[in-house]
Amino acid sequence: MLDIILKILLVALLLYIIANLFRGLFSALKNDPDAPPMSHYIGRRVAYSALVILLIILALAFDITTLNQRPY
């Protein structure tokens, strides 16, 4: 059960990373001085990417999930 919750959380985080990528793109194209800069969204994307990697490493360390031993 914990494995399924972890996978849903990872997919949600990955979708949020993609959303921040596009928000940074639109921020760069708009060039609005009142809007947050593009680096704000890119920084969020990097931070959440690091969180995803950390969650995967912790899930593997605590045997919540396992690696695919034979990927083909």
Protein backbone atom coordinates (compact mmCIF):
# COMPACT_ATOMS: atom_id res chain seq x y z
CA MET A 1 0.00 0.00 0.00
CA LEU A 2 2.83 2.38 0.84
CA ASP A 3 4.37 1.61 -2.54
CA ILE A 4 1.26 2.83 -4.37
CA ILE A 5 1.09 6.02 -2.29
CA LEU A 6 4.77 6.69 -3.05
CA LYS A 7 4.21 6.22 -6.77
CA ILE A 8 1.22 8.57 -6.77
CA LEU A 9 3.27 11.15 -4.86
CA LEU A 10 6.15 10.83 -7.34
CA VAL A 11 3.85 11.23 -10.34
CA ALA A 12 2.23 14.29 -8.73
CA LEU A 13 5.66 15.83 -8.06
CA LEU A 14 6.77 15.15 -11.63
CA LEU A 15 3.63 16.84 -12.98
CA TYR A 16 4.31 19.81 -10.71
CA ILE A 17 7.89 19.97 -12.04
CA ILE A 18 6.59 20.07 -15.62
CA ALA A 19 4.07 22.77 -14.67
CA ASN A 20 6.85 24.90 -13.19
CA LEU A 21 8.87 24.41 -16.35
CA PHE A 22 6.06 25.86 -18.45
CA ARG A 23 5.38 28.65 -15.95
CA GLY A 24 9.03 29.64 -16.24
CA LEU A 25 8.71 29.62 -20.02
CA PHE A 26 5.64 31.85 -19.96
CA SER A 27 7.32 34.14 -17.46
CA ALA A 28 10.28 34.53 -19.81
CA LEU A 29 8.06 35.21 -22.81
CA LYS A 30 5.80 37.72 -21.05
CA ASN A 31 8.57 39.95 -19.68
CA ASP A 32 6.21 41.41 -17.05
CA PRO A 33 8.14 43.39 -14.39
CA ASP A 34 5.52 42.66 -11.69
CA ALA A 35 5.60 38.87 -12.18
CA PRO A 36 8.17 36.65 -10.46
CA PRO A 37 11.32 36.10 -12.52
CA MET A 38 11.93 32.95 -14.51
CA SER A 39 14.64 31.86 -12.06
CA HIS A 40 11.97 31.55 -9.37
CA TYR A 41 10.19 28.79 -11.28
CA ILE A 42 13.41 27.15 -12.42
CA GLY A 43 14.64 27.07 -8.83
CA ARG A 44 11.43 25.36 -7.74
CA ARG A 45 11.86 22.84 -10.51
CA VAL A 46 15.39 22.00 -9.39
CA ALA A 47 14.36 21.74 -5.73
CA TYR A 48 11.47 19.40 -6.48
CA SER A 49 13.63 17.32 -8.81
CA ALA A 50 16.09 16.85 -5.95
CA LEU A 51 13.17 15.87 -3.70
CA VAL A 52 12.02 13.24 -6.22
CA ILE A 53 15.52 11.75 -6.40
CA LEU A 54 15.77 11.75 -2.59
CA LEU A 55 12.38 10.01 -2.26
CA ILE A 56 13.42 7.33 -4.74
CA ILE A 57 16.70 6.72 -2.92
CA LEU A 58 14.92 6.53 0.46
CA ALA A 59 12.28 4.17 -0.93
CA LEU A 60 15.00 1.88 -2.23
CA ALA A 61 16.95 2.08 1.05
CA PHE A 62 13.92 1.16 3.19
CA ASP A 63 12.74 -1.55 0.77
CA ILE A 64 9.46 0.21 0.03
CA THR A 65 10.08 -0.39 -3.67
CA THR A 66 12.58 -2.42 -5.64
CA LEU A 67 14.48 -1.90 -8.84
CA ASN A 68 13.44 -3.70 -11.99
CA GLN A 69 16.03 -6.48 -12.17
CA ARG A 70 15.40 -7.30 -15.82
CA PRO A 71 14.32 -4.24 -17.79
CA TYR A 72 13.85 -6.00 -21.12
